[in-house]
Amino acid sequence: MDASNQYALLLCALQHFGIPVTNSDGTAVEVAGGYKIRTLAAKEVYALQLGEKTEQQFSDVVRLCSYLQQQVSAASGHDETG
């Protein structure tokens, strides 16, 4: 997948999961909780960063968004499990 399609897929997935984007520049997206997501097209993965440290890499955008949703929810003190 080329970088622009990978980036567009990321933006759509974040919107679907209800994860608000606080900043985007065409190569990286910042979301709540101080997380930054970079698309690494050469590897077809998404790198999730907190500050300057890469937390994890995901090859599946749905898993990335699920993980991020849990992290942001836990940090804000909300439990999405009901």
C-alpha atoms as a PDB file:
ATOM      1  CA  MET A   1       0.000   0.000   0.000  1.00  0.00           C
ATOM      2  CA  ASP A   2       1.440   3.400  -0.846  1.00  0.00           C
ATOM      3  CA  ALA A   3       1.912   6.001   1.866  1.00  0.00           C
ATOM      4  CA  SER A   4      -1.052   8.204   0.920  1.00  0.00           C
ATOM      5  CA  ASN A   5      -3.500   5.273   0.996  1.00  0.00           C
ATOM      6  CA  GLN A   6      -2.050   4.055   4.305  1.00  0.00           C
ATOM      7  CA  TYR A   7      -2.447   7.547   5.790  1.00  0.00           C
ATOM      8  CA  ALA A   8      -6.030   7.897   4.479  1.00  0.00           C
ATOM      9  CA  LEU A   9      -6.918   4.481   5.926  1.00  0.00           C
ATOM     10  CA  LEU A  10      -5.512   5.573   9.292  1.00  0.00           C
ATOM     11  CA  LEU A  11      -7.619   8.761   9.319  1.00  0.00           C
ATOM     12  CA  CYS A  12     -10.777   6.814   8.427  1.00  0.00           C
ATOM     13  CA  ALA A  13     -10.118   4.218  11.115  1.00  0.00           C
ATOM     14  CA  LEU A  14      -9.502   6.850  13.789  1.00  0.00           C
ATOM     15  CA  GLN A  15     -12.782   8.533  12.862  1.00  0.00           C
ATOM     16  CA  HIS A  16     -14.634   5.195  12.935  1.00  0.00           C
ATOM     17  CA  PHE A  17     -13.281   4.425  16.417  1.00  0.00           C
ATOM     18  CA  GLY A  18     -14.176   7.905  17.647  1.00  0.00           C
ATOM     19  CA  ILE A  19     -10.570   8.841  18.358  1.00  0.00           C
ATOM     20  CA  PRO A  20     -10.215  12.592  17.815  1.00  0.00           C
ATOM     21  CA  VAL A  21      -7.247  13.838  15.823  1.00  0.00           C
ATOM     22  CA  THR A  22      -5.596  16.860  17.427  1.00  0.00           C
ATOM     23  CA  ASN A  23      -3.062  17.478  14.659  1.00  0.00           C
ATOM     24  CA  SER A  24      -2.046  15.946  11.339  1.00  0.00           C
ATOM     25  CA  ASP A  25       0.585  16.848   8.774  1.00  0.00           C
ATOM     26  CA  GLY A  26       0.257  14.271   6.023  1.00  0.00           C
ATOM     27  CA  THR A  27       2.806  11.863   7.491  1.00  0.00           C
ATOM     28  CA  ALA A  28       1.881  11.771  11.175  1.00  0.00           C
ATOM     29  CA  VAL A  29      -1.271  12.105  13.240  1.00  0.00           C
ATOM     30  CA  GLU A  30      -1.495  13.292  16.832  1.00  0.00           C
ATOM     31  CA  VAL A  31      -4.386  12.117  19.012  1.00  0.00           C
ATOM     32  CA  ALA A  32      -5.531  12.488  22.618  1.00  0.00           C
ATOM     33  CA  GLY A  33      -3.154  11.406  25.344  1.00  0.00           C
ATOM     34  CA  GLY A  34      -0.080  12.757  23.573  1.00  0.00           C
ATOM     35  CA  TYR A  35       0.122   9.833  21.144  1.00  0.00           C
ATOM     36  CA  LYS A  36       1.545  10.281  17.668  1.00  0.00           C
ATOM     37  CA  ILE A  37       1.079   7.783  14.866  1.00  0.00           C
ATOM     38  CA  ARG A  38       3.477   7.686  11.931  1.00  0.00           C
ATOM     39  CA  THR A  39       2.885   5.682   8.801  1.00  0.00           C
ATOM     40  CA  LEU A  40       5.919   3.678   7.737  1.00  0.00           C
ATOM     41  CA  ALA A  41       5.035   2.802   4.149  1.00  0.00           C
ATOM     42  CA  ALA A  42       8.251   0.903   3.442  1.00  0.00           C
ATOM     43  CA  LYS A  43       7.291  -1.606   6.124  1.00  0.00           C
ATOM     44  CA  GLU A  44       3.511  -1.120   5.766  1.00  0.00           C
ATOM     45  CA  VAL A  45       3.203  -0.534   9.503  1.00  0.00           C
ATOM     46  CA  TYR A  46       2.027   2.182  11.835  1.00  0.00           C
ATOM     47  CA  ALA A  47       4.407   3.343  14.560  1.00  0.00           C
ATOM     48  CA  LEU A  48       2.668   4.490  17.736  1.00  0.00           C
ATOM     49  CA  GLN A  49       4.722   6.998  19.714  1.00  0.00           C
ATOM     50  CA  LEU A  50       4.269   8.565  23.122  1.00  0.00           C
ATOM     51  CA  GLY A  51       6.608  11.527  23.331  1.00  0.00           C
ATOM     52  CA  GLU A  52       9.777  10.647  21.451  1.00  0.00           C
ATOM     53  CA  LYS A  53       9.606   6.928  22.286  1.00  0.00           C
ATOM     54  CA  THR A  54       8.050   4.432  19.861  1.00  0.00           C
ATOM     55  CA  GLU A  55       5.675   2.373  21.968  1.00  0.00           C
ATOM     56  CA  GLN A  56       4.670  -0.247  19.416  1.00  0.00           C
ATOM     57  CA  GLN A  57       4.362  -0.960  15.727  1.00  0.00           C
ATOM     58  CA  PHE A  58       1.148  -2.284  14.208  1.00  0.00           C
ATOM     59  CA  SER A  59       0.568  -3.809  10.788  1.00  0.00           C
ATOM     60  CA  ASP A  60      -3.228  -3.825  11.334  1.00  0.00           C
ATOM     61  CA  VAL A  61      -4.929  -0.430  11.642  1.00  0.00           C
ATOM     62  CA  VAL A  62      -7.923  -1.932  13.492  1.00  0.00           C
ATOM     63  CA  ARG A  63      -5.665  -3.403  16.185  1.00  0.00           C
ATOM     64  CA  LEU A  64      -3.849  -0.090  16.437  1.00  0.00           C
ATOM     65  CA  CYS A  65      -7.103   1.817  16.960  1.00  0.00           C
ATOM     66  CA  SER A  66      -8.436  -0.735  19.453  1.00  0.00           C
ATOM     67  CA  TYR A  67      -5.220  -0.517  21.462  1.00  0.00           C
ATOM     68  CA  LEU A  68      -5.181   3.269  21.288  1.00  0.00           C
ATOM     69  CA  GLN A  69      -8.825   3.497  22.321  1.00  0.00           C
ATOM     70  CA  GLN A  70      -8.070   1.397  25.420  1.00  0.00           C
ATOM     71  CA  GLN A  71      -5.016   3.482  26.318  1.00  0.00           C
ATOM     72  CA  VAL A  72      -6.781   6.814  25.946  1.00  0.00           C
ATOM     73  CA  SER A  73      -9.818   5.533  27.840  1.00  0.00           C
ATOM     74  CA  ALA A  74      -7.675   4.208  30.698  1.00  0.00           C
ATOM     75  CA  ALA A  75      -5.721   7.443  30.902  1.00  0.00           C
ATOM     76  CA  SER A  76      -8.917   9.476  31.151  1.00  0.00           C
ATOM     77  CA  GLY A  77     -10.389   7.152  33.783  1.00  0.00           C
ATOM     78  CA  HIS A  78     -13.210   5.817  31.612  1.00  0.00           C
ATOM     79  CA  ASP A  79     -13.940   2.131  31.177  1.00  0.00           C
ATOM     80  CA  GLU A  80     -15.430   1.240  27.780  1.00  0.00           C
ATOM     81  CA  THR A  81     -16.251  -2.347  28.799  1.00  0.00           C
ATOM     82  CA  GLY A  82     -19.520  -1.362  30.436  1.00  0.00           C
END
